Amino acid sequence: MPYLSKTMPEWTKNPTRPVRIAILLFDRFSNLCLANCIEPLRAANTLGARTMFNWQIVSPDGRTVRSSSGIDIVPSGAAGDLADLDYLFVMASYAHDGHDTPANRRLLRLVTRRCDMTVGFDAGPWLLASAGLLDGRRATVHWDLLDAFTERFLNVEASRAHVMRDGSMMTCAGAMSALNLTLDLIADHLGLAARLDVEGLFLQGDPPVGPSDQIADPLVRQALGLMRDHVERPLDIARLAAQLSCQPRTLDRHFRRRLGAPPGTVYRHMRLSAARKLIEDTQLSVAEISLRCGYESSAALTRAIRRIYGATPRALRQARAG
């Protein structure tokens, strides 16, 4: 499916083609909201060493749009020219009522027919609701607008939620919720391993709002924190479970149910991800990186890197430099 699924979690996935996304910006959109969508997707492409997400930015008429912080964005075209999308992101923030026009309602009805999933961010759900696209659905909106939204759109079941999905429509309350929505989108298309890798670049500890169902499991979240804290001197699974006051089989059951992989697999992945980051972003020797990531020798790390990433540490470092 080209959108967030509710199936059992998968640790890794290998999509057959890039996910196609168009981001429709309205003047005075939130630049933070835009960044919280694009930067995780960019990171997923970088970490995956190939383009897994393709996005383009459009405006209603193809003209330059200005964010609420005064940053001008030159779009690649007009929204009406879009076709064959997996996702349409609709981003509006301040002055959303000024964008609530008959022309924009017609535009949204037209473009949403050309995509599999429409996502309204911040005040974007207001414009979708005004176009009749949320009638009979559950939705959320920026919480500052929620009371007015509820009074205005009687055919929409409004909720004070971070993210709400109903069929082919998703709505998101604001910029911080957008980050977690995008992380979940990455997990849906690339697997939870990719989500954890990208999350590690942006977040330390628990995410601020709205973690996914899988990562919100307290036992899994605490275990991941211990794994991150013990990369250089890895704990065996029995000791890890003991520190969490549970049995190893209980920990294994939670990881398989929530992440689609046993704790040992997840732990090795986190150590190899840390090693790859050091390989690509520093000039440390492979021997030093091996010690920092809990491997007994540079040869052992090289074998593991080659098995998982299909290249030697030297090749990864050269590719990033190039």
C-alpha atoms as a PDB file:
ATOM      1  CA  MET A   1       0.000   0.000   0.000  1.00  0.00           C
ATOM      2  CA  PRO A   2       1.312   3.498  -0.808  1.00  0.00           C
ATOM      3  CA  TYR A   3       0.381   4.900   2.585  1.00  0.00           C
ATOM      4  CA  LEU A   4       0.685   4.192   6.278  1.00  0.00           C
ATOM      5  CA  SER A   5      -0.534   0.656   6.934  1.00  0.00           C
ATOM      6  CA  LYS A   6      -1.801  -1.030  10.085  1.00  0.00           C
ATOM      7  CA  THR A   7      -0.259  -4.426   9.315  1.00  0.00           C
ATOM      8  CA  MET A   8       2.258  -6.249  11.497  1.00  0.00           C
ATOM      9  CA  PRO A   9       5.542  -4.334  11.759  1.00  0.00           C
ATOM     10  CA  GLU A  10       8.420  -5.229   9.462  1.00  0.00           C
ATOM     11  CA  TRP A  11      12.017  -4.614  10.474  1.00  0.00           C
ATOM     12  CA  THR A  12      13.230  -3.977   6.916  1.00  0.00           C
ATOM     13  CA  LYS A  13      11.510  -3.470   3.564  1.00  0.00           C
ATOM     14  CA  ASN A  14      12.821  -3.052   0.037  1.00  0.00           C
ATOM     15  CA  PRO A  15      10.483  -0.874  -2.049  1.00  0.00           C
ATOM     16  CA  THR A  16      10.444  -1.464  -5.791  1.00  0.00           C
ATOM     17  CA  ARG A  17      10.258   2.237  -6.675  1.00  0.00           C
ATOM     18  CA  PRO A  18      10.599   5.632  -4.987  1.00  0.00           C
ATOM     19  CA  VAL A  19       7.595   7.051  -3.162  1.00  0.00           C
ATOM     20  CA  ARG A  20       6.175  10.067  -5.035  1.00  0.00           C
ATOM     21  CA  ILE A  21       5.224  13.071  -2.901  1.00  0.00           C
ATOM     22  CA  ALA A  22       4.020  16.554  -3.795  1.00  0.00           C
ATOM     23  CA  ILE A  23       4.021  19.302  -1.160  1.00  0.00           C
ATOM     24  CA  LEU A  24       1.449  22.004  -1.815  1.00  0.00           C
ATOM     25  CA  LEU A  25       2.412  25.208  -0.012  1.00  0.00           C
ATOM     26  CA  PHE A  26       0.155  28.141   0.698  1.00  0.00           C
ATOM     27  CA  ASP A  27       1.548  31.562   1.606  1.00  0.00           C
ATOM     28  CA  ARG A  28       2.547  31.941   5.269  1.00  0.00           C
ATOM     29  CA  PHE A  29       3.017  28.198   5.702  1.00  0.00           C
ATOM     30  CA  SER A  30       5.136  26.987   8.630  1.00  0.00           C
ATOM     31  CA  ASN A  31       8.742  26.500   7.592  1.00  0.00           C
ATOM     32  CA  LEU A  32       9.268  24.258  10.627  1.00  0.00           C
ATOM     33  CA  CYS A  33       6.452  22.010   9.455  1.00  0.00           C
ATOM     34  CA  LEU A  34       8.009  21.790   5.987  1.00  0.00           C
ATOM     35  CA  ALA A  35      11.461  21.013   7.382  1.00  0.00           C
ATOM     36  CA  ASN A  36      10.078  18.333   9.697  1.00  0.00           C
ATOM     37  CA  CYS A  37       8.733  16.565   6.622  1.00  0.00           C
ATOM     38  CA  ILE A  38      11.564  17.034   4.140  1.00  0.00           C
ATOM     39  CA  GLU A  39      14.609  16.511   6.367  1.00  0.00           C
ATOM     40  CA  PRO A  40      13.653  13.002   7.564  1.00  0.00           C
ATOM     41  CA  LEU A  41      12.917  11.999   3.960  1.00  0.00           C
ATOM     42  CA  ARG A  42      16.288  13.413   2.870  1.00  0.00           C
ATOM     43  CA  ALA A  43      17.988  11.490   5.669  1.00  0.00           C
ATOM     44  CA  ALA A  44      16.256   8.259   4.631  1.00  0.00           C
ATOM     45  CA  ASN A  45      17.537   8.728   1.081  1.00  0.00           C
ATOM     46  CA  THR A  46      21.060   9.439   2.344  1.00  0.00           C
ATOM     47  CA  LEU A  47      21.191   6.515   4.757  1.00  0.00           C
ATOM     48  CA  GLY A  48      19.714   4.181   2.174  1.00  0.00           C
ATOM     49  CA  ALA A  49      22.308   5.259  -0.409  1.00  0.00           C
ATOM     50  CA  ARG A  50      19.578   5.579  -3.040  1.00  0.00           C
ATOM     51  CA  THR A  51      16.510   7.677  -3.691  1.00  0.00           C
ATOM     52  CA  MET A  52      13.620   6.134  -1.818  1.00  0.00           C
ATOM     53  CA  PHE A  53      11.470   9.267  -1.603  1.00  0.00           C
ATOM     54  CA  ASN A  54      10.945  11.738  -4.440  1.00  0.00           C
ATOM     55  CA  TRP A  55       9.285  15.015  -3.544  1.00  0.00           C
ATOM     56  CA  GLN A  56       8.473  18.211  -5.343  1.00  0.00           C
ATOM     57  CA  ILE A  57       7.150  21.511  -4.035  1.00  0.00           C
ATOM     58  CA  VAL A  58       4.234  23.186  -5.762  1.00  0.00           C
ATOM     59  CA  SER A  59       2.014  26.196  -5.127  1.00  0.00           C
ATOM     60  CA  PRO A  60      -1.566  26.855  -6.208  1.00  0.00           C
ATOM     61  CA  ASP A  61      -0.463  28.928  -9.228  1.00  0.00           C
ATOM     62  CA  GLY A  62       3.217  27.975  -9.604  1.00  0.00           C
ATOM     63  CA  ARG A  63       4.416  31.282  -8.166  1.00  0.00           C
ATOM     64  CA  THR A  64       6.871  31.817  -5.312  1.00  0.00           C
ATOM     65  CA  VAL A  65       5.452  31.184  -1.842  1.00  0.00           C
ATOM     66  CA  ARG A  66       6.613  32.873   1.351  1.00  0.00           C
ATOM     67  CA  SER A  67       6.719  31.166   4.735  1.00  0.00           C
ATOM     68  CA  SER A  68       5.456  32.758   7.948  1.00  0.00           C
ATOM     69  CA  SER A  69       9.105  33.491   8.787  1.00  0.00           C
ATOM     70  CA  GLY A  70       9.672  35.350   5.521  1.00  0.00           C
ATOM     71  CA  ILE A  71      11.552  32.641   3.592  1.00  0.00           C
ATOM     72  CA  ASP A  72      10.716  32.512  -0.118  1.00  0.00           C
ATOM     73  CA  ILE A  73      10.295  29.104  -1.764  1.00  0.00           C
ATOM     74  CA  VAL A  74      10.375  28.766  -5.556  1.00  0.00           C
ATOM     75  CA  PRO A  75       8.091  25.831  -6.451  1.00  0.00           C
ATOM     76  CA  SER A  76       8.677  23.423  -9.306  1.00  0.00           C
ATOM     77  CA  GLY A  77       5.249  24.166 -10.758  1.00  0.00           C
ATOM     78  CA  ALA A  78       1.537  24.602 -10.196  1.00  0.00           C
ATOM     79  CA  ALA A  79      -0.534  22.076  -8.261  1.00  0.00           C
ATOM     80  CA  GLY A  80      -3.001  21.686 -11.108  1.00  0.00           C
ATOM     81  CA  ASP A  81      -0.297  20.091 -13.273  1.00  0.00           C
ATOM     82  CA  LEU A  82       0.347  17.233 -10.832  1.00  0.00           C
ATOM     83  CA  ALA A  83      -0.404  13.616 -11.694  1.00  0.00           C
ATOM     84  CA  ASP A  84       0.244  10.088 -10.391  1.00  0.00           C
ATOM     85  CA  LEU A  85       1.164  10.754  -6.763  1.00  0.00           C
ATOM     86  CA  ASP A  86       1.402   8.520  -3.747  1.00  0.00           C
ATOM     87  CA  TYR A  87       1.036  11.426  -1.315  1.00  0.00           C
ATOM     88  CA  LEU A  88      -0.148  15.011  -1.487  1.00  0.00           C
ATOM     89  CA  PHE A  89       0.955  17.115   1.502  1.00  0.00           C
ATOM     90  CA  VAL A  90      -1.212  20.221   1.968  1.00  0.00           C
ATOM     91  CA  MET A  91       0.547  22.837   4.112  1.00  0.00           C
ATOM     92  CA  ALA A  92      -1.110  26.020   5.296  1.00  0.00           C
ATOM     93  CA  SER A  93      -0.653  27.866   8.580  1.00  0.00           C
ATOM     94  CA  TYR A  94      -1.262  31.557   9.151  1.00  0.00           C
ATOM     95  CA  ALA A  95      -3.888  33.417   7.106  1.00  0.00           C
ATOM     96  CA  HIS A  96      -5.475  30.115   6.155  1.00  0.00           C
ATOM     97  CA  ASP A  97      -8.882  31.781   5.923  1.00  0.00           C
ATOM     98  CA  GLY A  98      -7.542  33.957   3.103  1.00  0.00           C
ATOM     99  CA  HIS A  99      -6.755  30.790   1.137  1.00  0.00           C
ATOM    100  CA  ASP A 100     -10.245  29.402   1.667  1.00  0.00           C
ATOM    101  CA  THR A 101     -11.532  30.443  -1.756  1.00  0.00           C
ATOM    102  CA  PRO A 102     -13.732  28.737  -4.382  1.00  0.00           C
ATOM    103  CA  ALA A 103     -10.715  28.435  -6.696  1.00  0.00           C
ATOM    104  CA  ASN A 104      -8.598  26.677  -4.072  1.00  0.00           C
ATOM    105  CA  ARG A 105     -11.453  24.369  -3.124  1.00  0.00           C
ATOM    106  CA  ARG A 106     -11.783  23.304  -6.758  1.00  0.00           C
ATOM    107  CA  LEU A 107      -8.013  22.871  -6.976  1.00  0.00           C
ATOM    108  CA  LEU A 108      -7.887  20.609  -3.914  1.00  0.00           C
ATOM    109  CA  ARG A 109     -10.773  18.481  -5.186  1.00  0.00           C
ATOM    110  CA  LEU A 110      -8.947  18.104  -8.507  1.00  0.00           C
ATOM    111  CA  VAL A 111      -5.502  17.244  -7.161  1.00  0.00           C
ATOM    112  CA  THR A 112      -6.666  14.830  -4.447  1.00  0.00           C
ATOM    113  CA  ARG A 113      -8.203  12.661  -7.168  1.00  0.00           C
ATOM    114  CA  ARG A 114      -4.699  12.154  -8.577  1.00  0.00           C
ATOM    115  CA  CYS A 115      -3.055  10.778  -5.417  1.00  0.00           C
ATOM    116  CA  ASP A 116      -3.507   7.785  -3.143  1.00  0.00           C
ATOM    117  CA  MET A 117      -3.196   9.628   0.159  1.00  0.00           C
ATOM    118  CA  THR A 118      -3.753  13.274   1.072  1.00  0.00           C
ATOM    119  CA  VAL A 119      -2.188  14.674   4.249  1.00  0.00           C
ATOM    120  CA  GLY A 120      -3.249  18.023   5.690  1.00  0.00           C
ATOM    121  CA  PHE A 121      -0.731  19.725   7.994  1.00  0.00           C
ATOM    122  CA  ASP A 122      -1.297  22.488  10.552  1.00  0.00           C
ATOM    123  CA  ALA A 123      -4.148  24.571   9.065  1.00  0.00           C
ATOM    124  CA  GLY A 124      -4.180  22.467   5.894  1.00  0.00           C
ATOM    125  CA  PRO A 125      -7.078  20.332   7.225  1.00  0.00           C
ATOM    126  CA  TRP A 126      -9.205  23.487   7.321  1.00  0.00           C
ATOM    127  CA  LEU A 127      -8.810  23.907   3.559  1.00  0.00           C
ATOM    128  CA  LEU A 128      -9.484  20.206   2.949  1.00  0.00           C
ATOM    129  CA  ALA A 129     -12.621  20.360   5.089  1.00  0.00           C
ATOM    130  CA  SER A 130     -13.828  23.485   3.295  1.00  0.00           C
ATOM    131  CA  ALA A 131     -13.444  21.631  -0.010  1.00  0.00           C
ATOM    132  CA  GLY A 132     -15.716  18.890   1.342  1.00  0.00           C
ATOM    133  CA  LEU A 133     -12.910  16.328   1.363  1.00  0.00           C
ATOM    134  CA  LEU A 134     -13.222  15.502   5.069  1.00  0.00           C
ATOM    135  CA  ASP A 135     -17.003  15.133   5.221  1.00  0.00           C
ATOM    136  CA  GLY A 136     -17.955  12.093   7.267  1.00  0.00           C
ATOM    137  CA  ARG A 137     -14.359  11.548   8.379  1.00  0.00           C
ATOM    138  CA  ARG A 138     -12.384  11.916  11.576  1.00  0.00           C
ATOM    139  CA  ALA A 139      -9.765  14.661  11.488  1.00  0.00           C
ATOM    140  CA  THR A 140      -7.528  16.922  13.508  1.00  0.00           C
ATOM    141  CA  VAL A 141      -6.142  20.392  12.900  1.00  0.00           C
ATOM    142  CA  HIS A 142      -3.736  22.772  14.660  1.00  0.00           C
ATOM    143  CA  TRP A 143      -5.129  22.870  18.178  1.00  0.00           C
ATOM    144  CA  ASP A 144      -5.426  26.664  18.174  1.00  0.00           C
ATOM    145  CA  LEU A 145      -8.034  26.233  15.424  1.00  0.00           C
ATOM    146  CA  LEU A 146      -9.799  23.184  16.816  1.00  0.00           C
ATOM    147  CA  ASP A 147     -12.780  24.933  18.435  1.00  0.00           C
ATOM    148  CA  ALA A 148     -13.461  27.080  15.377  1.00  0.00           C
ATOM    149  CA  PHE A 149     -12.939  24.055  13.128  1.00  0.00           C
ATOM    150  CA  THR A 150     -15.488  22.036  15.116  1.00  0.00           C
ATOM    151  CA  GLU A 151     -18.086  24.810  14.914  1.00  0.00           C
ATOM    152  CA  ARG A 152     -17.528  25.438  11.204  1.00  0.00           C
ATOM    153  CA  PHE A 153     -17.389  21.878   9.828  1.00  0.00           C
ATOM    154  CA  LEU A 154     -20.275  19.990  11.361  1.00  0.00           C
ATOM    155  CA  ASN A 155     -19.827  17.022   9.010  1.00  0.00           C
ATOM    156  CA  VAL A 156     -16.291  16.341  10.260  1.00  0.00           C
ATOM    157  CA  GLU A 157     -15.588  14.478  13.496  1.00  0.00           C
ATOM    158  CA  ALA A 158     -12.840  16.692  14.909  1.00  0.00           C
ATOM    159  CA  SER A 159     -10.458  15.396  17.569  1.00  0.00           C
ATOM    160  CA  ARG A 160      -7.606  16.834  19.645  1.00  0.00           C
ATOM    161  CA  ALA A 161      -5.108  14.341  18.247  1.00  0.00           C
ATOM    162  CA  HIS A 162      -1.576  14.692  16.921  1.00  0.00           C
ATOM    163  CA  VAL A 163      -2.304  12.665  13.787  1.00  0.00           C
ATOM    164  CA  MET A 164      -5.571  11.255  12.514  1.00  0.00           C
ATOM    165  CA  ARG A 165      -6.094   8.907   9.590  1.00  0.00           C
ATOM    166  CA  ASP A 166      -9.417   8.069   7.994  1.00  0.00           C
ATOM    167  CA  GLY A 167      -9.296   6.212   4.706  1.00  0.00           C
ATOM    168  CA  SER A 168      -7.305   8.111   2.089  1.00  0.00           C
ATOM    169  CA  MET A 169      -7.135  11.246   4.239  1.00  0.00           C
ATOM    170  CA  MET A 170      -4.680  12.028   7.016  1.00  0.00           C
ATOM    171  CA  THR A 171      -4.558  15.167   9.125  1.00  0.00           C
ATOM    172  CA  CYS A 172      -1.749  16.418  11.353  1.00  0.00           C
ATOM    173  CA  ALA A 173      -1.974  18.982  14.154  1.00  0.00           C
ATOM    174  CA  GLY A 174       1.288  20.847  13.646  1.00  0.00           C
ATOM    175  CA  ALA A 175       5.027  20.939  13.084  1.00  0.00           C
ATOM    176  CA  MET A 176       6.163  18.603  15.876  1.00  0.00           C
ATOM    177  CA  SER A 177       3.475  16.084  15.011  1.00  0.00           C
ATOM    178  CA  ALA A 178       4.660  16.295  11.400  1.00  0.00           C
ATOM    179  CA  LEU A 179       8.047  14.908  12.402  1.00  0.00           C
ATOM    180  CA  ASN A 180       6.555  11.775  13.909  1.00  0.00           C
ATOM    181  CA  LEU A 181       4.140  11.358  11.008  1.00  0.00           C
ATOM    182  CA  THR A 182       7.080  11.441   8.600  1.00  0.00           C
ATOM    183  CA  LEU A 183       9.068   8.981  10.705  1.00  0.00           C
ATOM    184  CA  ASP A 184       6.110   6.607  10.621  1.00  0.00           C
ATOM    185  CA  LEU A 185       5.836   7.065   6.866  1.00  0.00           C
ATOM    186  CA  ILE A 186       9.490   6.028   6.569  1.00  0.00           C
ATOM    187  CA  ALA A 187       8.798   2.952   8.690  1.00  0.00           C
ATOM    188  CA  ASP A 188       5.821   2.021   6.559  1.00  0.00           C
ATOM    189  CA  HIS A 189       7.819   2.068   3.334  1.00  0.00           C
ATOM    190  CA  LEU A 190      11.329   1.090   4.457  1.00  0.00           C
ATOM    191  CA  GLY A 191      10.773  -0.756   7.729  1.00  0.00           C
ATOM    192  CA  LEU A 192      11.316   0.122  11.359  1.00  0.00           C
ATOM    193  CA  ALA A 193      15.092  -0.174  11.077  1.00  0.00           C
ATOM    194  CA  ALA A 194      15.122   2.853   8.769  1.00  0.00           C
ATOM    195  CA  ARG A 195      12.818   4.760  11.112  1.00  0.00           C
ATOM    196  CA  LEU A 196      15.147   4.197  14.059  1.00  0.00           C
ATOM    197  CA  ASP A 197      18.158   5.259  11.982  1.00  0.00           C
ATOM    198  CA  VAL A 198      16.515   8.516  10.921  1.00  0.00           C
ATOM    199  CA  GLU A 199      15.065   9.176  14.369  1.00  0.00           C
ATOM    200  CA  GLY A 200      18.540   8.826  15.828  1.00  0.00           C
ATOM    201  CA  LEU A 201      19.708  11.764  13.713  1.00  0.00           C
ATOM    202  CA  PHE A 202      17.028  14.116  15.023  1.00  0.00           C
ATOM    203  CA  LEU A 203      15.933  12.964  18.471  1.00  0.00           C
ATOM    204  CA  GLN A 204      17.613  12.051  21.740  1.00  0.00           C
ATOM    205  CA  GLY A 205      15.597   9.904  24.116  1.00  0.00           C
ATOM    206  CA  ASP A 206      11.830   9.863  23.865  1.00  0.00           C
ATOM    207  CA  PRO A 207      10.252  11.807  21.014  1.00  0.00           C
ATOM    208  CA  PRO A 208       8.448  14.952  22.212  1.00  0.00           C
ATOM    209  CA  VAL A 209       4.995  14.021  20.961  1.00  0.00           C
ATOM    210  CA  GLY A 210       3.032  11.259  19.334  1.00  0.00           C
ATOM    211  CA  PRO A 211       5.454   8.321  19.031  1.00  0.00           C
ATOM    212  CA  SER A 212       4.358   5.437  16.830  1.00  0.00           C
ATOM    213  CA  ASP A 213       2.576   2.509  18.444  1.00  0.00           C
ATOM    214  CA  GLN A 214       5.666   0.316  18.061  1.00  0.00           C
ATOM    215  CA  ILE A 215       8.207   2.700  19.574  1.00  0.00           C
ATOM    216  CA  ALA A 216       5.789   3.837  22.301  1.00  0.00           C
ATOM    217  CA  ASP A 217       5.972   0.434  24.015  1.00  0.00           C
ATOM    218  CA  PRO A 218       7.655   1.375  27.355  1.00  0.00           C
ATOM    219  CA  LEU A 219       9.739  -1.798  27.540  1.00  0.00           C
ATOM    220  CA  VAL A 220      10.944  -1.465  23.943  1.00  0.00           C
ATOM    221  CA  ARG A 221      11.675   2.240  24.384  1.00  0.00           C
ATOM    222  CA  GLN A 222      13.687   1.657  27.567  1.00  0.00           C
ATOM    223  CA  ALA A 223      15.577  -1.213  25.945  1.00  0.00           C
ATOM    224  CA  LEU A 224      16.473   0.954  22.951  1.00  0.00           C
ATOM    225  CA  GLY A 225      17.771   3.613  25.312  1.00  0.00           C
ATOM    226  CA  LEU A 226      20.008   1.074  27.065  1.00  0.00           C
ATOM    227  CA  MET A 227      21.249  -0.206  23.709  1.00  0.00           C
ATOM    228  CA  ARG A 228      22.201   3.325  22.653  1.00  0.00           C
ATOM    229  CA  ASP A 229      23.998   3.843  25.970  1.00  0.00           C
ATOM    230  CA  HIS A 230      25.977   0.607  25.596  1.00  0.00           C
ATOM    231  CA  VAL A 231      27.205   0.623  22.013  1.00  0.00           C
ATOM    232  CA  GLU A 232      30.904   0.469  22.919  1.00  0.00           C
ATOM    233  CA  ARG A 233      30.456  -2.308  25.492  1.00  0.00           C
ATOM    234  CA  PRO A 234      27.318  -4.180  24.386  1.00  0.00           C
ATOM    235  CA  LEU A 235      25.185  -5.923  26.972  1.00  0.00           C
ATOM    236  CA  ASP A 236      24.157  -9.493  26.270  1.00  0.00           C
ATOM    237  CA  ILE A 237      20.405  -9.985  26.070  1.00  0.00           C
ATOM    238  CA  ALA A 238      20.210 -11.633  29.503  1.00  0.00           C
ATOM    239  CA  ARG A 239      21.913  -8.644  31.173  1.00  0.00           C
ATOM    240  CA  LEU A 240      19.793  -6.230  29.148  1.00  0.00           C
ATOM    241  CA  ALA A 241      16.629  -7.971  30.312  1.00  0.00           C
ATOM    242  CA  ALA A 242      17.862  -8.020  33.911  1.00  0.00           C
ATOM    243  CA  GLN A 243      18.373  -4.243  33.865  1.00  0.00           C
ATOM    244  CA  LEU A 244      14.794  -3.919  32.630  1.00  0.00           C
ATOM    245  CA  SER A 245      13.503  -6.285  35.351  1.00  0.00           C
ATOM    246  CA  CYS A 246      12.051  -8.747  32.862  1.00  0.00           C
ATOM    247  CA  GLN A 247      12.819 -12.158  31.428  1.00  0.00           C
ATOM    248  CA  PRO A 248      14.736 -12.426  28.109  1.00  0.00           C
ATOM    249  CA  ARG A 249      11.766 -14.168  26.516  1.00  0.00           C
ATOM    250  CA  THR A 250       9.503 -11.282  27.551  1.00  0.00           C
ATOM    251  CA  LEU A 251      11.880  -8.797  25.944  1.00  0.00           C
ATOM    252  CA  ASP A 252      12.066 -10.939  22.819  1.00  0.00           C
ATOM    253  CA  ARG A 253       8.272 -11.116  22.593  1.00  0.00           C
ATOM    254  CA  HIS A 254       7.873  -7.346  22.886  1.00  0.00           C
ATOM    255  CA  PHE A 255      10.527  -6.661  20.237  1.00  0.00           C
ATOM    256  CA  ARG A 256       9.106  -9.162  17.760  1.00  0.00           C
ATOM    257  CA  ARG A 257       5.573  -7.846  18.246  1.00  0.00           C
ATOM    258  CA  ARG A 258       6.494  -4.152  18.111  1.00  0.00           C
ATOM    259  CA  LEU A 259       9.521  -4.013  15.795  1.00  0.00           C
ATOM    260  CA  GLY A 260       9.273  -7.227  13.805  1.00  0.00           C
ATOM    261  CA  ALA A 261      12.740  -8.402  14.907  1.00  0.00           C
ATOM    262  CA  PRO A 262      14.359  -9.932  18.031  1.00  0.00           C
ATOM    263  CA  PRO A 263      16.364  -7.645  20.328  1.00  0.00           C
ATOM    264  CA  GLY A 264      19.707  -9.074  19.175  1.00  0.00           C
ATOM    265  CA  THR A 265      18.991  -8.104  15.563  1.00  0.00           C
ATOM    266  CA  VAL A 266      17.950  -4.593  16.581  1.00  0.00           C
ATOM    267  CA  TYR A 267      21.018  -4.177  18.814  1.00  0.00           C
ATOM    268  CA  ARG A 268      23.438  -5.245  16.046  1.00  0.00           C
ATOM    269  CA  HIS A 269      21.721  -2.870  13.635  1.00  0.00           C
ATOM    270  CA  MET A 270      22.112   0.055  16.017  1.00  0.00           C
ATOM    271  CA  ARG A 271      25.815  -0.683  16.513  1.00  0.00           C
ATOM    272  CA  LEU A 272      26.396  -0.996  12.774  1.00  0.00           C
ATOM    273  CA  SER A 273      24.471   2.234  12.141  1.00  0.00           C
ATOM    274  CA  ALA A 274      26.715   3.985  14.675  1.00  0.00           C
ATOM    275  CA  ALA A 275      29.778   2.499  12.974  1.00  0.00           C
ATOM    276  CA  ARG A 276      28.637   3.608   9.540  1.00  0.00           C
ATOM    277  CA  LYS A 277      28.069   7.147  10.764  1.00  0.00           C
ATOM    278  CA  LEU A 278      31.613   7.251  12.170  1.00  0.00           C
ATOM    279  CA  ILE A 279      33.011   5.804   8.946  1.00  0.00           C
ATOM    280  CA  GLU A 280      31.274   8.378   6.774  1.00  0.00           C
ATOM    281  CA  ASP A 281      31.505  11.438   9.003  1.00  0.00           C
ATOM    282  CA  THR A 282      34.955  11.115  10.631  1.00  0.00           C
ATOM    283  CA  GLN A 283      38.517  10.187   9.768  1.00  0.00           C
ATOM    284  CA  LEU A 284      38.807   7.648  12.586  1.00  0.00           C
ATOM    285  CA  SER A 285      40.499   4.387  11.666  1.00  0.00           C
ATOM    286  CA  VAL A 286      38.399   1.265  11.224  1.00  0.00           C
ATOM    287  CA  ALA A 287      40.210  -0.223  14.226  1.00  0.00           C
ATOM    288  CA  GLU A 288      39.155   2.724  16.428  1.00  0.00           C
ATOM    289  CA  ILE A 289      35.580   2.569  15.140  1.00  0.00           C
ATOM    290  CA  SER A 290      35.498  -1.158  15.859  1.00  0.00           C
ATOM    291  CA  LEU A 291      36.358  -0.487  19.502  1.00  0.00           C
ATOM    292  CA  ARG A 292      33.773   2.312  19.783  1.00  0.00           C
ATOM    293  CA  CYS A 293      31.007   0.097  18.397  1.00  0.00           C
ATOM    294  CA  GLY A 294      31.696  -3.067  20.354  1.00  0.00           C
ATOM    295  CA  TYR A 295      33.481  -5.213  17.764  1.00  0.00           C
ATOM    296  CA  GLU A 296      36.484  -7.288  18.729  1.00  0.00           C
ATOM    297  CA  SER A 297      38.475  -6.391  15.622  1.00  0.00           C
ATOM    298  CA  SER A 298      38.437  -4.272  12.471  1.00  0.00           C
ATOM    299  CA  ALA A 299      38.084  -7.479  10.448  1.00  0.00           C
ATOM    300  CA  ALA A 300      34.895  -8.406  12.315  1.00  0.00           C
ATOM    301  CA  LEU A 301      33.440  -4.942  11.744  1.00  0.00           C
ATOM    302  CA  THR A 302      34.424  -4.986   8.062  1.00  0.00           C
ATOM    303  CA  ARG A 303      32.687  -8.331   7.551  1.00  0.00           C
ATOM    304  CA  ALA A 304      29.529  -7.072   9.271  1.00  0.00           C
ATOM    305  CA  ILE A 305      29.519  -3.801   7.304  1.00  0.00           C
ATOM    306  CA  ARG A 306      29.992  -5.655   4.005  1.00  0.00           C
ATOM    307  CA  ARG A 307      27.206  -8.121   4.837  1.00  0.00           C
ATOM    308  CA  ILE A 308      24.662  -5.432   5.747  1.00  0.00           C
ATOM    309  CA  TYR A 309      25.608  -2.529   3.458  1.00  0.00           C
ATOM    310  CA  GLY A 310      27.210  -4.397   0.555  1.00  0.00           C
ATOM    311  CA  ALA A 311      30.445  -2.397   0.724  1.00  0.00           C
ATOM    312  CA  THR A 312      33.630  -2.165   2.745  1.00  0.00           C
ATOM    313  CA  PRO A 313      34.187   0.678   5.239  1.00  0.00           C
ATOM    314  CA  ARG A 314      36.704   2.189   2.826  1.00  0.00           C
ATOM    315  CA  ALA A 315      34.172   2.120  -0.035  1.00  0.00           C
ATOM    316  CA  LEU A 316      31.500   3.744   2.144  1.00  0.00           C
ATOM    317  CA  ARG A 317      33.896   6.507   3.152  1.00  0.00           C
ATOM    318  CA  GLN A 318      34.969   7.118  -0.475  1.00  0.00           C
ATOM    319  CA  ALA A 319      31.355   7.174  -1.665  1.00  0.00           C
ATOM    320  CA  ARG A 320      30.388   9.790   0.932  1.00  0.00           C
ATOM    321  CA  ALA A 321      33.447  11.903   0.082  1.00  0.00           C
ATOM    322  CA  GLY A 322      32.561  11.702  -3.593  1.00  0.00           C
END
